[in-house]
């Protein structure tokens, strides 16, 4: 499925437009299959004042060579000597960022062309410091298979604890609103959840731009993933990362398990229906 592309504003005399600089962090590990589509969706944004910080997490395939071949001066490649996981790679990208706004994009997801423009306008109009959006679901061949569905108009720290509704690739953060930098925990799973929680300890809430602005790629293994395998990682978030009381952690785990099961079942149904 090809997204409709708009003509981007022209850059005059080698200078970017006088608009906010957005730093886009893309962690990569053996991402050759989809990395061109992913990064191209950033470079083709109608908001052109951006930098792409592509962090290679010790890939063994042609990922880096492919990105180097894209030859756009807005791309900055950061190389990790050893594989440390997506959280560590994203942190390296955050540390290398120089923009007023931070966006994150997984290496197999993609954006709609006006994603950043829409969010920046929304945040300027509402004063929001953290913005998330709806998203669609695509398969390995980039064909649409479903939608995220309706999401809450805003979410606080306590609400997010119960159900993480934010998709990493939809996020935009005004870094100027943070009292101190926020980084991902260097854990292998659920690091994005902890990152969102850390953001919401510094700002009152995250706000929804009620538009589909990005595509989340589902692979067959993702659709049929076993939530039982994620239980220890979710428990680690509540007890170790957030250091919540035992009783509250148990209650949150029960709610999370049923929510996660419902979401997984809906995605599986959308996947089957699309085939």
Protein backbone atom coordinates (compact mmCIF):
# COMPACT_ATOMS: atom_id res chain seq x y z
CA UNK A 1 0.00 0.00 0.00
CA UNK A 2 1.51 3.33 -1.04
CA UNK A 3 0.73 6.34 1.11
CA UNK A 4 -0.32 9.54 -0.69
CA UNK A 5 2.73 11.79 -0.89
CA UNK A 6 2.53 15.56 -0.86
CA UNK A 7 5.10 17.86 -2.34
CA UNK A 8 7.44 18.98 0.44
CA UNK A 9 8.29 22.68 0.93
CA UNK A 10 11.46 23.65 -0.94
CA UNK A 11 14.67 24.36 0.96
CA UNK A 12 16.26 27.61 -0.23
CA UNK A 13 20.03 28.20 -0.44
CA UNK A 14 20.77 25.04 1.51
CA UNK A 15 18.95 26.30 4.59
CA UNK A 16 16.04 24.76 6.44
CA UNK A 17 12.80 26.72 6.92
CA UNK A 18 12.64 28.75 10.13
CA UNK A 19 10.46 26.18 11.88
CA UNK A 20 11.08 23.98 14.94
CA UNK A 21 13.80 21.39 14.51
CA UNK A 22 12.50 17.87 15.11
CA UNK A 23 14.97 15.12 16.00
CA UNK A 24 13.77 11.73 14.77
CA UNK A 25 15.45 8.73 16.40
CA UNK A 26 15.33 5.46 14.45
CA UNK A 27 16.93 2.43 16.17
CA UNK A 28 18.07 -0.20 13.67
CA UNK A 29 19.17 -3.81 13.96
CA UNK A 30 19.29 -5.96 10.82
CA UNK A 31 16.58 -3.73 9.39
CA UNK A 32 17.48 -3.93 5.71
CA UNK A 33 14.06 -5.21 4.64
CA UNK A 34 12.10 -2.07 5.52
CA UNK A 35 14.57 0.67 6.46
CA UNK A 36 14.32 2.58 3.16
CA UNK A 37 10.53 2.81 3.43
CA UNK A 38 10.83 3.86 7.06
CA UNK A 39 13.43 6.60 6.63
CA UNK A 40 11.92 7.79 3.34
CA UNK A 41 8.66 8.39 5.22
CA UNK A 42 10.60 10.83 7.43
CA UNK A 43 12.50 12.58 4.65
CA UNK A 44 9.24 13.09 2.74
CA UNK A 45 7.55 14.92 5.61
CA UNK A 46 5.84 18.20 4.78
CA UNK A 47 7.67 19.58 7.82
CA UNK A 48 11.22 19.53 6.47
CA UNK A 49 13.20 21.00 9.37
CA UNK A 50 14.27 17.71 10.88
CA UNK A 51 17.22 15.46 11.53
CA UNK A 52 17.15 11.68 11.29
CA UNK A 53 19.36 10.01 13.88
CA UNK A 54 19.67 6.44 12.64
CA UNK A 55 21.22 4.36 15.41
CA UNK A 56 22.63 1.05 14.22
CA UNK A 57 22.59 -1.51 17.02
CA UNK A 58 25.44 -3.67 15.68
CA UNK A 59 23.65 -4.95 12.57
CA UNK A 60 25.18 -7.86 10.65
CA UNK A 61 23.30 -7.17 7.41
CA UNK A 62 23.40 -4.28 4.91
CA UNK A 63 21.35 -1.86 7.03
CA UNK A 64 24.07 0.79 7.43
CA UNK A 65 25.15 0.66 3.78
CA UNK A 66 21.54 1.09 2.68
CA UNK A 67 21.03 4.16 4.89
CA UNK A 68 24.35 5.64 3.79
CA UNK A 69 23.20 5.21 0.20
CA UNK A 70 20.17 7.41 0.82
CA UNK A 71 22.61 10.36 0.82
CA UNK A 72 20.51 12.99 2.58
CA UNK A 73 22.35 15.49 4.76
CA UNK A 74 19.57 15.34 7.34
CA UNK A 75 20.58 11.75 8.16
CA UNK A 76 23.07 11.18 10.95
CA UNK A 77 24.23 7.60 11.56
CA UNK A 78 25.28 6.54 15.05
CA UNK A 79 26.97 3.14 15.32
CA UNK A 80 26.83 0.96 18.43
CA UNK A 81 29.81 -1.37 18.80
CA UNK A 82 27.80 -4.12 20.49
CA UNK A 83 24.13 -5.02 20.38
CA UNK A 84 22.40 -3.59 23.44
CA UNK A 85 18.75 -3.57 22.48
CA UNK A 86 16.30 -0.91 21.30
CA UNK A 87 16.31 1.03 24.58
CA UNK A 88 20.06 1.54 24.58
CA UNK A 89 20.04 2.46 20.89
CA UNK A 90 17.26 5.00 21.39
CA UNK A 91 19.16 6.54 24.29
CA UNK A 92 22.20 7.03 22.05
CA UNK A 93 19.93 8.76 19.56
CA UNK A 94 18.38 10.96 22.25
CA UNK A 95 21.84 12.00 23.43
CA UNK A 96 22.80 12.92 19.86
CA UNK A 97 19.61 14.93 19.24
CA UNK A 98 19.75 18.70 18.87
CA UNK A 99 16.09 19.51 18.17
CA UNK A 100 13.43 21.15 20.32
CA UNK A 101 11.13 18.23 19.59
CA UNK A 102 11.80 14.49 19.79
CA UNK A 103 10.08 11.86 17.68
CA UNK A 104 10.67 8.11 17.65
CA UNK A 105 10.19 5.75 14.74
CA UNK A 106 10.73 2.00 14.78
CA UNK A 107 12.77 0.70 11.87
CA UNK A 108 9.90 -1.19 10.25
CA UNK A 109 7.13 1.34 10.86
CA UNK A 110 6.36 4.36 8.69
CA UNK A 111 4.77 7.81 8.86
CA UNK A 112 2.14 9.55 6.81
CA UNK A 113 3.62 12.58 4.99
CA UNK A 114 2.04 15.27 7.21
CA UNK A 115 2.53 13.46 10.52
CA UNK A 116 4.93 15.98 12.04
CA UNK A 117 3.15 19.01 10.59
CA UNK A 118 -0.18 17.93 12.07
CA UNK A 119 1.29 17.22 15.49
CA UNK A 120 3.29 20.45 15.66
CA UNK A 121 0.20 22.49 14.81
CA UNK A 122 -1.87 20.56 17.36
CA UNK A 123 0.73 21.03 20.10
CA UNK A 124 1.13 24.73 19.33
CA UNK A 125 -2.64 25.22 19.45
CA UNK A 126 -3.28 23.20 22.63
CA UNK A 127 -0.04 23.74 24.54
CA UNK A 128 0.46 19.98 24.72
CA UNK A 129 3.97 18.80 25.65
CA UNK A 130 3.50 15.13 24.70
CA UNK A 131 1.35 14.08 21.76
CA UNK A 132 0.34 10.65 20.46
CA UNK A 133 -1.94 9.66 17.60
CA UNK A 134 -3.97 6.84 16.16
CA UNK A 135 -2.25 4.47 13.72
CA UNK A 136 -3.04 1.81 11.20
CA UNK A 137 -1.72 -1.75 11.04
CA UNK A 138 0.24 -3.08 8.06
CA UNK A 139 1.75 -6.44 7.22
CA UNK A 140 5.24 -7.36 6.03
CA UNK A 141 4.28 -6.39 2.46
CA UNK A 142 3.07 -2.93 3.61
CA UNK A 143 -0.59 -3.77 3.00
CA UNK A 144 -3.07 -2.31 5.48
CA UNK A 145 -4.73 -4.90 7.69
CA UNK A 146 -6.49 -2.82 10.33
CA UNK A 147 -6.66 0.22 12.58
CA UNK A 148 -5.71 1.00 16.15
CA UNK A 149 -9.29 1.99 16.85
CA UNK A 150 -10.43 4.81 19.12
CA UNK A 151 -8.02 6.03 21.78
CA UNK A 152 -8.53 8.17 24.87
CA UNK A 153 -8.30 11.94 24.30
CA UNK A 154 -5.55 12.13 26.90
CA UNK A 155 -3.76 9.89 29.35
CA UNK A 156 -2.11 10.51 32.74
CA UNK A 157 0.56 8.49 34.51
CA UNK A 158 -1.99 6.54 36.56
CA UNK A 159 -4.15 5.83 33.53
CA UNK A 160 -1.18 4.66 31.46
CA UNK A 161 -0.17 2.24 34.19
CA UNK A 162 -3.45 0.40 33.60
CA UNK A 163 -3.27 0.31 29.82
CA UNK A 164 -0.48 1.56 27.56
CA UNK A 165 -2.30 3.12 24.60
CA UNK A 166 0.68 5.06 23.17
CA UNK A 167 2.44 3.70 20.09
CA UNK A 168 6.15 4.60 20.04
CA UNK A 169 6.15 5.65 16.38
CA UNK A 170 3.24 8.05 16.94
CA UNK A 171 4.91 10.01 19.74
CA UNK A 172 6.11 13.64 19.59
CA UNK A 173 7.66 15.31 22.65
CA UNK A 174 8.39 19.00 23.24
CA UNK A 175 11.75 18.64 24.99
CA UNK A 176 11.58 22.22 26.25
CA UNK A 177 8.72 21.19 28.55
CA UNK A 178 10.85 18.65 30.42
CA UNK A 179 12.71 19.63 33.57
CA UNK A 180 15.34 16.99 32.82
CA UNK A 181 16.12 14.58 29.96
CA UNK A 182 14.18 11.32 29.80
CA UNK A 183 15.82 8.09 28.67
CA UNK A 184 14.74 4.51 28.11
CA UNK A 185 15.62 1.83 30.65
CA UNK A 186 18.14 -0.62 29.24
CA UNK A 187 15.83 -3.61 29.45
CA UNK A 188 14.97 -5.87 26.54
CA UNK A 189 11.18 -5.64 26.69
CA UNK A 190 8.63 -3.01 27.76
CA UNK A 191 11.28 -0.27 27.66
CA UNK A 192 8.92 1.93 25.63
CA UNK A 193 6.23 1.61 28.33
CA UNK A 194 8.66 2.76 31.01
CA UNK A 195 9.79 5.67 28.83
CA UNK A 196 6.20 6.90 28.47
CA UNK A 197 5.70 6.60 32.22
CA UNK A 198 8.85 8.63 32.83
CA UNK A 199 7.55 11.35 30.53
CA UNK A 200 4.26 11.47 32.42
CA UNK A 201 6.10 11.99 35.70
CA UNK A 202 7.25 15.33 34.30
CA UNK A 203 4.15 16.50 32.45
CA UNK A 204 0.52 16.21 33.62
CA UNK A 205 -0.72 14.25 30.63
CA UNK A 206 -0.16 13.20 27.04
CA UNK A 207 -2.73 14.34 24.48
CA UNK A 208 -4.24 12.59 21.48
CA UNK A 209 -4.21 14.05 18.01
CA UNK A 210 -7.21 12.10 16.78
CA UNK A 211 -5.81 11.29 13.34
CA UNK A 212 -4.04 8.30 11.82
CA UNK A 213 -0.48 9.52 11.25
CA UNK A 214 1.62 6.36 11.11
CA UNK A 215 1.64 2.66 10.33
CA UNK A 216 2.61 -0.06 12.81
CA UNK A 217 3.96 -3.14 11.07
CA UNK A 218 2.74 -6.50 12.32
CA UNK A 219 4.57 -9.68 11.46
CA UNK A 220 2.98 -13.12 11.77
CA UNK A 221 4.92 -13.77 14.98
CA UNK A 222 3.74 -10.47 16.46
CA UNK A 223 0.09 -11.18 15.74
CA UNK A 224 0.20 -14.60 17.37
CA UNK A 225 2.52 -13.62 20.22
CA UNK A 226 1.92 -15.35 23.54
CA UNK A 227 1.14 -12.79 26.26
CA UNK A 228 2.22 -15.28 28.92
CA UNK A 229 5.81 -14.72 27.80
CA UNK A 230 5.50 -10.99 28.50
CA UNK A 231 4.22 -11.42 32.06
CA UNK A 232 7.65 -11.29 33.78
CA UNK A 233 8.61 -8.17 31.80
CA UNK A 234 5.34 -6.40 32.66
CA UNK A 235 5.79 -7.38 36.30
CA UNK A 236 9.30 -5.97 36.18
CA UNK A 237 7.89 -2.61 35.06
CA UNK A 238 5.52 -2.39 38.01
CA UNK A 239 7.74 -3.77 40.76
CA UNK A 240 11.32 -2.93 39.71
CA UNK A 241 11.11 0.03 37.35
CA UNK A 242 8.20 1.87 39.02
CA UNK A 243 8.63 0.28 42.47
CA UNK A 244 4.90 0.02 43.05
CA UNK A 245 3.43 -1.72 46.11
CA UNK A 246 2.75 -5.44 45.79
CA UNK A 247 -1.03 -5.17 45.96
CA UNK A 248 -1.22 -2.42 43.35
CA UNK A 249 1.13 -4.33 41.08
CA UNK A 250 -1.03 -7.47 41.27
CA UNK A 251 -4.17 -5.46 40.50
CA UNK A 252 -2.49 -3.74 37.54
CA UNK A 253 -1.19 -7.06 36.21
CA UNK A 254 -4.68 -8.56 36.18
CA UNK A 255 -6.09 -5.59 34.29
CA UNK A 256 -3.15 -5.54 31.87
CA UNK A 257 -3.51 -9.23 31.07
CA UNK A 258 -7.16 -8.91 30.05
CA UNK A 259 -6.55 -5.68 28.10
CA UNK A 260 -3.57 -7.21 26.29
CA UNK A 261 -5.54 -10.33 25.47
CA UNK A 262 -8.38 -8.28 23.99
CA UNK A 263 -6.00 -6.19 21.86
CA UNK A 264 -4.18 -9.28 20.64
CA UNK A 265 -7.43 -11.01 19.72
CA UNK A 266 -8.66 -7.96 17.79
CA UNK A 267 -5.40 -7.70 15.86
CA UNK A 268 -5.53 -11.39 15.00
CA UNK A 269 -9.10 -11.01 13.75
CA UNK A 270 -8.09 -8.02 11.60
CA UNK A 271 -5.14 -9.98 10.23
CA UNK A 272 -7.31 -12.97 9.28
CA UNK A 273 -9.98 -10.75 7.72
CA UNK A 274 -7.41 -8.94 5.56
CA UNK A 275 -6.01 -12.17 4.07
